[in-house]
Amino acid sequence: IDPMPMDEKQPDTATTSSTIKTLLAKAAAPVEEATETAEVPAPLEEVAIPRNENIKELEDHWAGNLAGGPTKEESQRIIANLQATDGYSQYLDAVRKKVRQEQGESFTAWRSMSQEQYEAWENGDDLGYFGVTTNERLALNWRNMVANRGRDMVVVSFEISPDLVEMLGNEQESELVIDGNVVSFHRLSAPIYQPTTQA
């Protein structure tokens, strides 16, 4: 057997042993699991609606009755007075921002009305301003109000955007006031007829 060439170095046993111990120590060490911190979205800042005394009075005067509400003439007068009130522009911007934050860019509105108003809508008559709700159950239950006893009611739904909202109605009833003339009759859902409820 040929002897190992003189210029080939023998392995350093001390160094090799140290390297092995280091590798073994690393292998035995607990593995640190990578943790990812999920980004928690900041809560949306609640939109404050600027209301002066005139605006508060007009909102209160609206009455918020989704089954009927103010007459066409009364609704037009309320909105005209609102639009002429100082601070109306800031109020309207805040109202639409609040609706957009809560409902998105497009949402379903519900309207409970008399058979006569439904037919007027179908005929293209001037409807004036009226209240709608984002609460389907509430709209369907309006026929049970005493004021609606003995009336044939119709419930419809349609898609609107926050830019169509002119005023807040009764907030407990999720009521929004819109100009009924900007919503085409052909955009309405199939009507839900509610026959006369006896007193």
N, C-alpha and C. Protein backbone atom coordinates (compact mmCIF):
# COMPACT_ATOMS: atom_id res chain seq x y z
N ILE A 1 0.85 -1.18 0.00
CA ILE A 1 0.00 0.00 0.00
C ILE A 1 0.88 1.22 0.00
N ASP A 2 0.57 2.14 -0.94
CA ASP A 2 1.40 3.34 -1.02
C ASP A 2 1.17 4.20 0.19
N PRO A 3 2.21 4.71 0.77
CA PRO A 3 2.05 5.63 1.92
C PRO A 3 1.37 6.92 1.48
N MET A 4 0.64 7.58 2.42
CA MET A 4 -0.04 8.84 2.13
C MET A 4 0.99 9.89 1.79
N PRO A 5 0.74 10.68 0.72
CA PRO A 5 1.73 11.72 0.35
C PRO A 5 1.99 12.64 1.53
N MET A 6 3.21 13.09 1.63
CA MET A 6 3.64 13.91 2.75
C MET A 6 2.95 15.27 2.75
N ASP A 7 2.57 15.78 1.51
CA ASP A 7 1.99 17.13 1.46
C ASP A 7 0.50 17.16 1.78
N GLU A 8 -0.17 15.95 1.98
CA GLU A 8 -1.59 15.91 2.31
C GLU A 8 -1.75 15.93 3.81
N LYS A 9 -2.48 16.95 4.33
CA LYS A 9 -2.59 17.14 5.76
C LYS A 9 -3.61 16.19 6.36
N GLN A 10 -3.32 15.73 7.57
CA GLN A 10 -4.25 14.90 8.32
C GLN A 10 -5.33 15.79 8.93
N PRO A 11 -6.60 15.34 9.07
CA PRO A 11 -7.65 16.16 9.69
C PRO A 11 -7.33 16.45 11.14
N ASP A 12 -7.66 17.66 11.55
CA ASP A 12 -7.43 18.09 12.93
C ASP A 12 -8.58 17.55 13.76
N THR A 13 -8.32 16.54 14.56
CA THR A 13 -9.37 15.86 15.32
C THR A 13 -10.01 16.78 16.33
N ALA A 14 -9.26 17.72 16.91
CA ALA A 14 -9.82 18.64 17.91
C ALA A 14 -10.83 19.58 17.25
N THR A 15 -10.45 20.09 16.08
CA THR A 15 -11.34 21.00 15.35
C THR A 15 -12.59 20.28 14.91
N THR A 16 -12.43 19.06 14.38
CA THR A 16 -13.57 18.28 13.92
C THR A 16 -14.53 17.99 15.05
N SER A 17 -13.98 17.61 16.20
CA SER A 17 -14.82 17.31 17.37
C SER A 17 -15.58 18.54 17.83
N SER A 18 -14.95 19.70 17.79
CA SER A 18 -15.60 20.95 18.20
C SER A 18 -16.74 21.30 17.25
N THR A 19 -16.50 21.11 15.96
CA THR A 19 -17.53 21.42 14.96
C THR A 19 -18.75 20.53 15.14
N ILE A 20 -18.51 19.24 15.40
CA ILE A 20 -19.61 18.30 15.59
C ILE A 20 -20.43 18.68 16.80
N LYS A 21 -19.74 19.05 17.91
CA LYS A 21 -20.46 19.45 19.13
C LYS A 21 -21.32 20.68 18.88
N THR A 22 -20.79 21.63 18.10
CA THR A 22 -21.56 22.85 17.80
C THR A 22 -22.81 22.54 17.00
N LEU A 23 -22.65 21.63 16.00
CA LEU A 23 -23.80 21.26 15.17
C LEU A 23 -24.86 20.53 15.98
N LEU A 24 -24.39 19.65 16.88
CA LEU A 24 -25.33 18.91 17.71
C LEU A 24 -26.08 19.84 18.66
N ALA A 25 -25.38 20.85 19.17
CA ALA A 25 -26.01 21.79 20.10
C ALA A 25 -27.08 22.61 19.38
N LYS A 26 -26.77 23.01 18.16
CA LYS A 26 -27.75 23.77 17.38
C LYS A 26 -28.99 22.92 17.06
N ALA A 27 -28.74 21.62 16.78
CA ALA A 27 -29.85 20.74 16.44
C ALA A 27 -30.76 20.50 17.63
N ALA A 28 -30.14 20.49 18.84
CA ALA A 28 -30.93 20.23 20.05
C ALA A 28 -31.65 21.48 20.55
N ALA A 29 -31.23 22.65 20.09
CA ALA A 29 -31.83 23.90 20.58
C ALA A 29 -33.28 23.99 20.10
N PRO A 30 -34.19 24.53 20.93
CA PRO A 30 -35.60 24.67 20.51
C PRO A 30 -35.73 25.59 19.31
N VAL A 31 -36.58 25.19 18.41
CA VAL A 31 -36.79 25.98 17.19
C VAL A 31 -37.75 27.12 17.51
N GLU A 32 -37.37 28.35 17.23
CA GLU A 32 -38.23 29.50 17.45
C GLU A 32 -39.20 29.63 16.29
N GLU A 33 -40.47 29.50 16.61
CA GLU A 33 -41.47 29.61 15.56
C GLU A 33 -41.63 31.06 15.14
N ALA A 34 -41.69 31.23 13.82
CA ALA A 34 -41.88 32.58 13.30
C ALA A 34 -43.31 33.01 13.54
N THR A 35 -43.43 34.11 14.16
CA THR A 35 -44.77 34.62 14.45
C THR A 35 -45.05 35.85 13.61
N GLU A 36 -46.23 35.85 13.01
CA GLU A 36 -46.63 36.99 12.21
C GLU A 36 -47.70 37.77 12.97
N THR A 37 -47.47 39.02 13.11
CA THR A 37 -48.43 39.87 13.80
C THR A 37 -49.46 40.38 12.81
N ALA A 38 -50.70 39.91 12.98
CA ALA A 38 -51.75 40.33 12.06
C ALA A 38 -52.09 41.79 12.29
N GLU A 39 -52.21 42.49 11.21
CA GLU A 39 -52.55 43.90 11.32
C GLU A 39 -54.04 44.05 11.60
N VAL A 40 -54.34 44.67 12.71
CA VAL A 40 -55.73 44.89 13.08
C VAL A 40 -56.16 46.25 12.53
N PRO A 41 -57.18 46.26 11.66
CA PRO A 41 -57.62 47.53 11.09
C PRO A 41 -58.12 48.48 12.16
N ALA A 42 -57.78 49.72 12.01
CA ALA A 42 -58.23 50.72 12.98
C ALA A 42 -59.74 50.86 12.89
N PRO A 43 -60.42 50.98 14.02
CA PRO A 43 -61.89 51.14 13.97
C PRO A 43 -62.27 52.42 13.25
N LEU A 44 -63.39 52.33 12.51
CA LEU A 44 -63.84 53.49 11.78
C LEU A 44 -64.30 54.57 12.75
N GLU A 45 -63.89 55.77 12.47
CA GLU A 45 -64.30 56.88 13.33
C GLU A 45 -65.77 57.20 13.08
N GLU A 46 -66.52 57.27 14.14
CA GLU A 46 -67.94 57.56 14.00
C GLU A 46 -68.14 58.96 13.43
N VAL A 47 -69.01 59.03 12.46
CA VAL A 47 -69.26 60.31 11.80
C VAL A 47 -70.22 61.13 12.66
N ALA A 48 -69.79 62.31 13.03
CA ALA A 48 -70.65 63.21 13.81
C ALA A 48 -71.48 64.05 12.85
N ILE A 49 -72.78 64.09 13.08
CA ILE A 49 -73.68 64.86 12.23
C ILE A 49 -73.86 66.25 12.85
N PRO A 50 -73.41 67.29 12.14
CA PRO A 50 -73.57 68.65 12.68
C PRO A 50 -75.01 69.12 12.54
N ARG A 51 -75.66 69.34 13.66
CA ARG A 51 -77.06 69.77 13.64
C ARG A 51 -77.21 71.05 14.46
N ASN A 52 -77.68 72.11 13.82
CA ASN A 52 -78.05 73.29 14.60
C ASN A 52 -79.53 73.15 14.98
N GLU A 53 -80.04 74.14 15.69
CA GLU A 53 -81.41 74.03 16.17
C GLU A 53 -82.43 73.93 15.04
N ASN A 54 -82.18 74.65 13.94
CA ASN A 54 -83.12 74.60 12.81
C ASN A 54 -83.17 73.20 12.19
N ILE A 55 -81.99 72.59 12.03
CA ILE A 55 -81.94 71.25 11.45
C ILE A 55 -82.61 70.24 12.37
N LYS A 56 -82.35 70.35 13.66
CA LYS A 56 -82.99 69.44 14.62
C LYS A 56 -84.51 69.56 14.55
N GLU A 57 -84.98 70.79 14.45
CA GLU A 57 -86.42 71.02 14.41
C GLU A 57 -87.03 70.41 13.15
N LEU A 58 -86.33 70.56 12.02
CA LEU A 58 -86.85 70.01 10.77
C LEU A 58 -86.83 68.48 10.79
N GLU A 59 -85.79 67.90 11.36
CA GLU A 59 -85.74 66.44 11.48
C GLU A 59 -86.89 65.94 12.35
N ASP A 60 -87.11 66.63 13.46
CA ASP A 60 -88.21 66.23 14.35
C ASP A 60 -89.56 66.39 13.65
N HIS A 61 -89.68 67.43 12.83
CA HIS A 61 -90.94 67.70 12.15
C HIS A 61 -91.24 66.65 11.08
N TRP A 62 -90.20 66.03 10.60
CA TRP A 62 -90.40 65.03 9.55
C TRP A 62 -91.34 63.92 10.03
N ALA A 63 -91.25 63.59 11.30
CA ALA A 63 -92.12 62.59 11.95
C ALA A 63 -91.63 61.16 11.80
N GLY A 64 -90.99 60.84 10.66
CA GLY A 64 -90.41 59.51 10.53
C GLY A 64 -91.39 58.38 10.37
N ASN A 65 -92.58 58.65 9.87
CA ASN A 65 -93.57 57.60 9.65
C ASN A 65 -93.38 57.00 8.27
N LEU A 66 -92.71 55.82 8.22
CA LEU A 66 -92.40 55.20 6.93
C LEU A 66 -93.66 54.76 6.18
N ALA A 67 -94.72 54.54 6.89
CA ALA A 67 -95.94 54.08 6.22
C ALA A 67 -96.66 55.21 5.53
N GLY A 68 -96.39 56.42 5.93
CA GLY A 68 -97.05 57.57 5.32
C GLY A 68 -96.12 58.77 5.32
N GLY A 69 -95.83 59.25 6.53
CA GLY A 69 -94.95 60.39 6.64
C GLY A 69 -95.65 61.66 6.23
N PRO A 70 -94.88 62.75 6.07
CA PRO A 70 -95.48 64.01 5.64
C PRO A 70 -96.13 63.87 4.27
N THR A 71 -97.09 64.73 4.00
CA THR A 71 -97.66 64.76 2.65
C THR A 71 -96.59 65.24 1.68
N LYS A 72 -96.89 65.12 0.39
CA LYS A 72 -95.92 65.56 -0.61
C LYS A 72 -95.59 67.03 -0.42
N GLU A 73 -96.60 67.85 -0.18
CA GLU A 73 -96.37 69.29 -0.02
C GLU A 73 -95.55 69.58 1.24
N GLU A 74 -95.88 68.87 2.33
CA GLU A 74 -95.12 69.06 3.57
C GLU A 74 -93.67 68.63 3.41
N SER A 75 -93.45 67.51 2.73
CA SER A 75 -92.08 67.02 2.55
C SER A 75 -91.25 67.99 1.72
N GLN A 76 -91.86 68.56 0.67
CA GLN A 76 -91.13 69.52 -0.15
C GLN A 76 -90.81 70.79 0.63
N ARG A 77 -91.72 71.19 1.50
CA ARG A 77 -91.49 72.38 2.32
C ARG A 77 -90.36 72.13 3.34
N ILE A 78 -90.37 70.96 3.94
CA ILE A 78 -89.33 70.63 4.92
C ILE A 78 -87.96 70.63 4.26
N ILE A 79 -87.84 69.96 3.12
CA ILE A 79 -86.54 69.88 2.44
C ILE A 79 -86.10 71.25 1.94
N ALA A 80 -87.04 72.06 1.45
CA ALA A 80 -86.69 73.42 0.99
C ALA A 80 -86.15 74.25 2.16
N ASN A 81 -86.79 74.14 3.32
CA ASN A 81 -86.32 74.87 4.50
C ASN A 81 -84.96 74.35 4.96
N LEU A 82 -84.80 73.03 4.87
CA LEU A 82 -83.52 72.43 5.26
C LEU A 82 -82.39 72.93 4.36
N GLN A 83 -82.63 72.95 3.06
CA GLN A 83 -81.60 73.37 2.11
C GLN A 83 -81.25 74.85 2.25
N ALA A 84 -82.19 75.63 2.81
CA ALA A 84 -81.93 77.06 3.01
C ALA A 84 -81.32 77.37 4.37
N THR A 85 -81.12 76.33 5.19
CA THR A 85 -80.59 76.52 6.54
C THR A 85 -79.07 76.62 6.53
N ASP A 86 -78.53 77.53 7.33
CA ASP A 86 -77.08 77.63 7.48
C ASP A 86 -76.54 76.30 7.99
N GLY A 87 -75.47 75.83 7.38
CA GLY A 87 -74.86 74.57 7.81
C GLY A 87 -75.40 73.36 7.09
N TYR A 88 -76.34 73.59 6.13
CA TYR A 88 -76.94 72.45 5.44
C TYR A 88 -75.89 71.66 4.65
N SER A 89 -74.97 72.35 3.98
CA SER A 89 -73.97 71.67 3.16
C SER A 89 -73.12 70.73 4.02
N GLN A 90 -72.69 71.20 5.19
CA GLN A 90 -71.89 70.36 6.09
C GLN A 90 -72.73 69.19 6.62
N TYR A 91 -73.99 69.48 6.91
CA TYR A 91 -74.90 68.44 7.39
C TYR A 91 -75.06 67.35 6.34
N LEU A 92 -75.32 67.75 5.09
CA LEU A 92 -75.56 66.78 4.03
C LEU A 92 -74.30 65.94 3.77
N ASP A 93 -73.13 66.57 3.76
CA ASP A 93 -71.88 65.83 3.55
C ASP A 93 -71.69 64.77 4.63
N ALA A 94 -71.96 65.16 5.88
CA ALA A 94 -71.79 64.23 7.00
C ALA A 94 -72.81 63.09 6.94
N VAL A 95 -74.05 63.42 6.57
CA VAL A 95 -75.09 62.40 6.46
C VAL A 95 -74.71 61.36 5.41
N ARG A 96 -74.29 61.80 4.26
CA ARG A 96 -73.93 60.87 3.19
C ARG A 96 -72.68 60.07 3.53
N LYS A 97 -71.74 60.69 4.23
CA LYS A 97 -70.54 59.97 4.66
C LYS A 97 -70.92 58.88 5.66
N LYS A 98 -71.82 59.20 6.58
CA LYS A 98 -72.27 58.22 7.57
C LYS A 98 -72.99 57.05 6.90
N VAL A 99 -73.87 57.35 5.95
CA VAL A 99 -74.60 56.30 5.25
C VAL A 99 -73.63 55.43 4.45
N ARG A 100 -72.67 56.06 3.79
CA ARG A 100 -71.69 55.31 2.99
C ARG A 100 -70.85 54.40 3.90
N GLN A 101 -70.49 54.89 5.05
CA GLN A 101 -69.70 54.10 6.00
C GLN A 101 -70.49 52.88 6.50
N GLU A 102 -71.77 53.07 6.73
CA GLU A 102 -72.59 52.01 7.30
C GLU A 102 -73.18 51.06 6.25
N GLN A 103 -73.48 51.58 5.04
CA GLN A 103 -74.20 50.79 4.04
C GLN A 103 -73.39 50.48 2.80
N GLY A 104 -72.30 51.19 2.57
CA GLY A 104 -71.53 50.97 1.36
C GLY A 104 -71.97 51.89 0.23
N GLU A 105 -71.42 51.64 -0.96
CA GLU A 105 -71.71 52.51 -2.10
C GLU A 105 -73.08 52.25 -2.72
N SER A 106 -73.65 51.08 -2.46
CA SER A 106 -74.98 50.74 -2.98
C SER A 106 -75.65 49.82 -1.98
N PHE A 107 -76.92 50.06 -1.72
CA PHE A 107 -77.61 49.24 -0.74
C PHE A 107 -79.10 49.21 -1.04
N THR A 108 -79.79 48.27 -0.40
CA THR A 108 -81.22 48.09 -0.62
C THR A 108 -82.02 48.95 0.34
N ALA A 109 -82.94 49.71 -0.22
CA ALA A 109 -83.87 50.51 0.58
C ALA A 109 -85.26 49.92 0.44
N TRP A 110 -86.04 50.02 1.52
CA TRP A 110 -87.40 49.47 1.53
C TRP A 110 -88.40 50.59 1.76
N ARG A 111 -89.52 50.50 1.09
CA ARG A 111 -90.56 51.51 1.21
C ARG A 111 -91.90 50.84 1.39
N SER A 112 -92.61 51.21 2.45
CA SER A 112 -93.97 50.75 2.67
C SER A 112 -94.90 51.92 2.36
N MET A 113 -95.90 51.70 1.52
CA MET A 113 -96.74 52.81 1.08
C MET A 113 -98.15 52.32 0.78
N SER A 114 -99.02 53.27 0.54
CA SER A 114 -100.39 52.92 0.18
C SER A 114 -100.44 52.45 -1.27
N GLN A 115 -101.52 51.76 -1.57
CA GLN A 115 -101.74 51.31 -2.95
C GLN A 115 -101.82 52.51 -3.89
N GLU A 116 -102.40 53.61 -3.41
CA GLU A 116 -102.53 54.81 -4.24
C GLU A 116 -101.17 55.40 -4.60
N GLN A 117 -100.27 55.45 -3.61
CA GLN A 117 -98.96 56.01 -3.91
C GLN A 117 -98.17 55.11 -4.86
N TYR A 118 -98.34 53.81 -4.70
CA TYR A 118 -97.66 52.87 -5.60
C TYR A 118 -98.12 53.09 -7.04
N GLU A 119 -99.42 53.28 -7.23
CA GLU A 119 -99.94 53.52 -8.57
C GLU A 119 -99.48 54.86 -9.11
N ALA A 120 -99.34 55.86 -8.23
CA ALA A 120 -98.84 57.16 -8.67
C ALA A 120 -97.39 57.03 -9.13
N TRP A 121 -96.63 56.22 -8.44
CA TRP A 121 -95.24 55.96 -8.84
C TRP A 121 -95.21 55.30 -10.21
N GLU A 122 -96.08 54.33 -10.40
CA GLU A 122 -96.15 53.62 -11.68
C GLU A 122 -96.54 54.56 -12.81
N ASN A 123 -97.38 55.55 -12.51
CA ASN A 123 -97.84 56.49 -13.53
C ASN A 123 -96.87 57.63 -13.78
N GLY A 124 -95.78 57.68 -13.00
CA GLY A 124 -94.79 58.73 -13.20
C GLY A 124 -95.18 60.07 -12.58
N ASP A 125 -96.08 60.03 -11.61
CA ASP A 125 -96.49 61.27 -10.94
C ASP A 125 -95.38 61.82 -10.04
N ASP A 126 -95.49 63.09 -9.71
CA ASP A 126 -94.53 63.71 -8.79
C ASP A 126 -94.76 63.14 -7.40
N LEU A 127 -93.74 62.50 -6.83
CA LEU A 127 -93.88 61.84 -5.53
C LEU A 127 -93.39 62.70 -4.37
N GLY A 128 -92.56 63.68 -4.68
CA GLY A 128 -91.97 64.47 -3.61
C GLY A 128 -90.91 63.68 -2.87
N TYR A 129 -90.60 64.11 -1.66
CA TYR A 129 -89.61 63.42 -0.83
C TYR A 129 -90.33 62.45 0.11
N PHE A 130 -89.70 61.31 0.36
CA PHE A 130 -90.29 60.38 1.32
C PHE A 130 -89.21 59.56 2.01
N GLY A 131 -89.63 58.89 3.08
CA GLY A 131 -88.69 58.10 3.86
C GLY A 131 -88.63 56.66 3.38
N VAL A 132 -87.44 56.09 3.43
CA VAL A 132 -87.24 54.66 3.18
C VAL A 132 -86.48 54.11 4.39
N THR A 133 -86.42 52.81 4.47
CA THR A 133 -85.67 52.20 5.57
C THR A 133 -84.73 51.14 5.02
N THR A 134 -83.66 50.88 5.74
CA THR A 134 -82.75 49.79 5.37
C THR A 134 -83.14 48.51 6.10
N ASN A 135 -84.24 48.58 6.86
CA ASN A 135 -84.70 47.45 7.66
C ASN A 135 -85.92 46.81 7.01
N GLU A 136 -85.71 45.68 6.36
CA GLU A 136 -86.81 45.01 5.65
C GLU A 136 -87.94 44.62 6.59
N ARG A 137 -87.62 44.04 7.74
CA ARG A 137 -88.64 43.60 8.67
C ARG A 137 -89.52 44.76 9.12
N LEU A 138 -88.87 45.89 9.35
CA LEU A 138 -89.63 47.07 9.78
C LEU A 138 -90.62 47.50 8.71
N ALA A 139 -90.16 47.53 7.47
CA ALA A 139 -91.05 47.94 6.38
C ALA A 139 -92.24 47.01 6.26
N LEU A 140 -92.00 45.72 6.44
CA LEU A 140 -93.08 44.74 6.32
C LEU A 140 -94.06 44.83 7.49
N ASN A 141 -93.60 45.36 8.60
CA ASN A 141 -94.47 45.43 9.79
C ASN A 141 -95.25 46.73 9.89
N TRP A 142 -95.00 47.67 8.98
CA TRP A 142 -95.68 48.96 9.11
C TRP A 142 -97.20 48.87 8.94
N ARG A 143 -97.66 47.84 8.25
CA ARG A 143 -99.12 47.72 8.07
C ARG A 143 -99.83 47.48 9.39
N ASN A 144 -99.08 47.05 10.42
CA ASN A 144 -99.69 46.76 11.71
C ASN A 144 -99.91 48.01 12.56
N MET A 145 -99.41 49.15 12.08
CA MET A 145 -99.63 50.37 12.83
C MET A 145 -101.11 50.76 12.79
N VAL A 146 -101.55 51.36 13.87
CA VAL A 146 -102.96 51.77 13.95
C VAL A 146 -103.31 52.70 12.78
N ALA A 147 -102.37 53.60 12.42
CA ALA A 147 -102.64 54.57 11.36
C ALA A 147 -102.88 53.89 10.01
N ASN A 148 -102.42 52.65 9.87
CA ASN A 148 -102.56 51.95 8.59
C ASN A 148 -103.70 50.94 8.58
N ARG A 149 -104.41 50.82 9.68
CA ARG A 149 -105.53 49.89 9.71
C ARG A 149 -106.58 50.33 8.70
N GLY A 150 -107.05 49.38 7.92
CA GLY A 150 -108.06 49.69 6.92
C GLY A 150 -107.48 50.17 5.60
N ARG A 151 -106.13 50.16 5.48
CA ARG A 151 -105.49 50.60 4.22
C ARG A 151 -104.78 49.42 3.58
N ASP A 152 -104.89 49.33 2.27
CA ASP A 152 -104.11 48.33 1.55
C ASP A 152 -102.70 48.88 1.35
N MET A 153 -101.71 48.13 1.83
CA MET A 153 -100.32 48.59 1.78
C MET A 153 -99.51 47.79 0.77
N VAL A 154 -98.48 48.42 0.25
CA VAL A 154 -97.57 47.79 -0.69
C VAL A 154 -96.14 48.05 -0.20
N VAL A 155 -95.32 47.01 -0.24
CA VAL A 155 -93.90 47.15 0.15
C VAL A 155 -93.04 46.83 -1.06
N VAL A 156 -92.08 47.71 -1.34
CA VAL A 156 -91.16 47.49 -2.45
C VAL A 156 -89.74 47.76 -1.95
N SER A 157 -88.77 47.28 -2.71
CA SER A 157 -87.36 47.57 -2.41
C SER A 157 -86.67 47.99 -3.69
N PHE A 158 -85.57 48.68 -3.54
CA PHE A 158 -84.79 49.13 -4.70
C PHE A 158 -83.40 49.52 -4.22
N GLU A 159 -82.46 49.54 -5.16
CA GLU A 159 -81.08 49.88 -4.83
C GLU A 159 -80.88 51.39 -4.96
N ILE A 160 -80.20 51.97 -3.97
CA ILE A 160 -79.84 53.39 -4.03
C ILE A 160 -78.41 53.56 -3.56
N SER A 161 -77.88 54.75 -3.78
CA SER A 161 -76.54 55.08 -3.31
C SER A 161 -76.66 56.17 -2.24
N PRO A 162 -75.64 56.33 -1.41
CA PRO A 162 -75.68 57.39 -0.38
C PRO A 162 -75.90 58.78 -0.96
N ASP A 163 -75.52 58.99 -2.21
CA ASP A 163 -75.65 60.32 -2.81
C ASP A 163 -77.11 60.72 -3.05
N LEU A 164 -78.04 59.78 -2.91
CA LEU A 164 -79.45 60.10 -3.09
C LEU A 164 -80.12 60.52 -1.77
N VAL A 165 -79.42 60.35 -0.67
CA VAL A 165 -80.00 60.69 0.64
C VAL A 165 -79.95 62.19 0.86
N GLU A 166 -81.09 62.76 1.23
CA GLU A 166 -81.19 64.21 1.44
C GLU A 166 -81.24 64.60 2.92
N MET A 167 -81.59 63.61 3.76
CA MET A 167 -81.84 63.95 5.16
C MET A 167 -81.97 62.65 5.96
N LEU A 168 -81.67 62.72 7.25
CA LEU A 168 -81.94 61.59 8.13
C LEU A 168 -83.34 61.72 8.69
N GLY A 169 -84.06 60.61 8.71
CA GLY A 169 -85.38 60.60 9.32
C GLY A 169 -85.27 60.08 10.74
N ASN A 170 -86.15 59.20 11.10
CA ASN A 170 -86.13 58.60 12.43
C ASN A 170 -85.02 57.55 12.47
N GLU A 171 -83.96 57.81 13.21
CA GLU A 171 -82.81 56.91 13.22
C GLU A 171 -83.14 55.57 13.86
N GLN A 172 -84.07 55.55 14.81
CA GLN A 172 -84.47 54.28 15.43
C GLN A 172 -85.15 53.37 14.43
N GLU A 173 -85.67 53.95 13.37
CA GLU A 173 -86.34 53.18 12.33
C GLU A 173 -85.48 53.04 11.08
N SER A 174 -84.19 53.42 11.21
CA SER A 174 -83.26 53.34 10.08
C SER A 174 -83.81 54.06 8.86
N GLU A 175 -84.44 55.21 9.10
CA GLU A 175 -85.11 55.94 8.03
C GLU A 175 -84.17 56.95 7.36
N LEU A 176 -84.19 56.93 6.05
CA LEU A 176 -83.45 57.89 5.24
C LEU A 176 -84.44 58.59 4.32
N VAL A 177 -84.25 59.88 4.13
CA VAL A 177 -85.17 60.65 3.28
C VAL A 177 -84.53 60.84 1.91
N ILE A 178 -85.28 60.49 0.87
CA ILE A 178 -84.79 60.65 -0.49
C ILE A 178 -85.84 61.36 -1.34
N ASP A 179 -85.42 61.81 -2.52
CA ASP A 179 -86.35 62.37 -3.50
C ASP A 179 -86.91 61.20 -4.30
N GLY A 180 -88.19 60.92 -4.12
CA GLY A 180 -88.80 59.78 -4.80
C GLY A 180 -88.76 59.88 -6.31
N ASN A 181 -88.62 61.07 -6.83
CA ASN A 181 -88.65 61.24 -8.28
C ASN A 181 -87.36 60.79 -8.98
N VAL A 182 -86.31 60.54 -8.21
CA VAL A 182 -85.05 60.12 -8.84
C VAL A 182 -84.97 58.60 -8.97
N VAL A 183 -85.94 57.91 -8.41
CA VAL A 183 -85.95 56.44 -8.48
C VAL A 183 -87.01 56.01 -9.48
N SER A 184 -86.58 55.45 -10.57
CA SER A 184 -87.51 55.01 -11.60
C SER A 184 -88.37 53.84 -11.11
N PHE A 185 -89.62 53.85 -11.51
CA PHE A 185 -90.54 52.77 -11.12
C PHE A 185 -90.01 51.42 -11.58
N HIS A 186 -89.31 51.39 -12.71
CA HIS A 186 -88.80 50.14 -13.26
C HIS A 186 -87.66 49.55 -12.43
N ARG A 187 -87.14 50.32 -11.49
CA ARG A 187 -86.08 49.81 -10.62
C ARG A 187 -86.65 49.12 -9.38
N LEU A 188 -87.95 49.17 -9.19
CA LEU A 188 -88.55 48.59 -8.00
C LEU A 188 -88.60 47.07 -8.10
N SER A 189 -88.52 46.44 -6.94
CA SER A 189 -88.70 44.99 -6.88
C SER A 189 -90.18 44.67 -7.10
N ALA A 190 -90.46 43.40 -7.25
CA ALA A 190 -91.87 42.99 -7.35
C ALA A 190 -92.56 43.40 -6.05
N PRO A 191 -93.71 44.04 -6.14
CA PRO A 191 -94.38 44.53 -4.93
C PRO A 191 -94.88 43.41 -4.03
N ILE A 192 -94.81 43.67 -2.74
CA ILE A 192 -95.38 42.76 -1.75
C ILE A 192 -96.69 43.39 -1.29
N TYR A 193 -97.80 42.80 -1.69
CA TYR A 193 -99.11 43.38 -1.36
C TYR A 193 -99.53 42.92 0.03
N GLN A 194 -100.00 43.89 0.81
CA GLN A 194 -100.46 43.59 2.16
C GLN A 194 -101.91 44.03 2.26
N PRO A 195 -102.83 43.10 2.22
CA PRO A 195 -104.25 43.44 2.26
C PRO A 195 -104.64 44.20 3.52
N THR A 196 -105.79 44.78 3.47
CA THR A 196 -106.31 45.56 4.59
C THR A 196 -106.25 44.78 5.89
N THR A 197 -105.71 45.45 6.91
CA THR A 197 -105.68 44.87 8.25
C THR A 197 -106.80 45.50 9.06
N GLN A 198 -107.68 44.69 9.58
CA GLN A 198 -108.82 45.22 10.32
C GLN A 198 -108.38 45.70 11.70
N ALA A 199 -109.03 46.72 12.19
CA ALA A 199 -108.71 47.25 13.51
C ALA A 199 -109.15 46.25 14.57
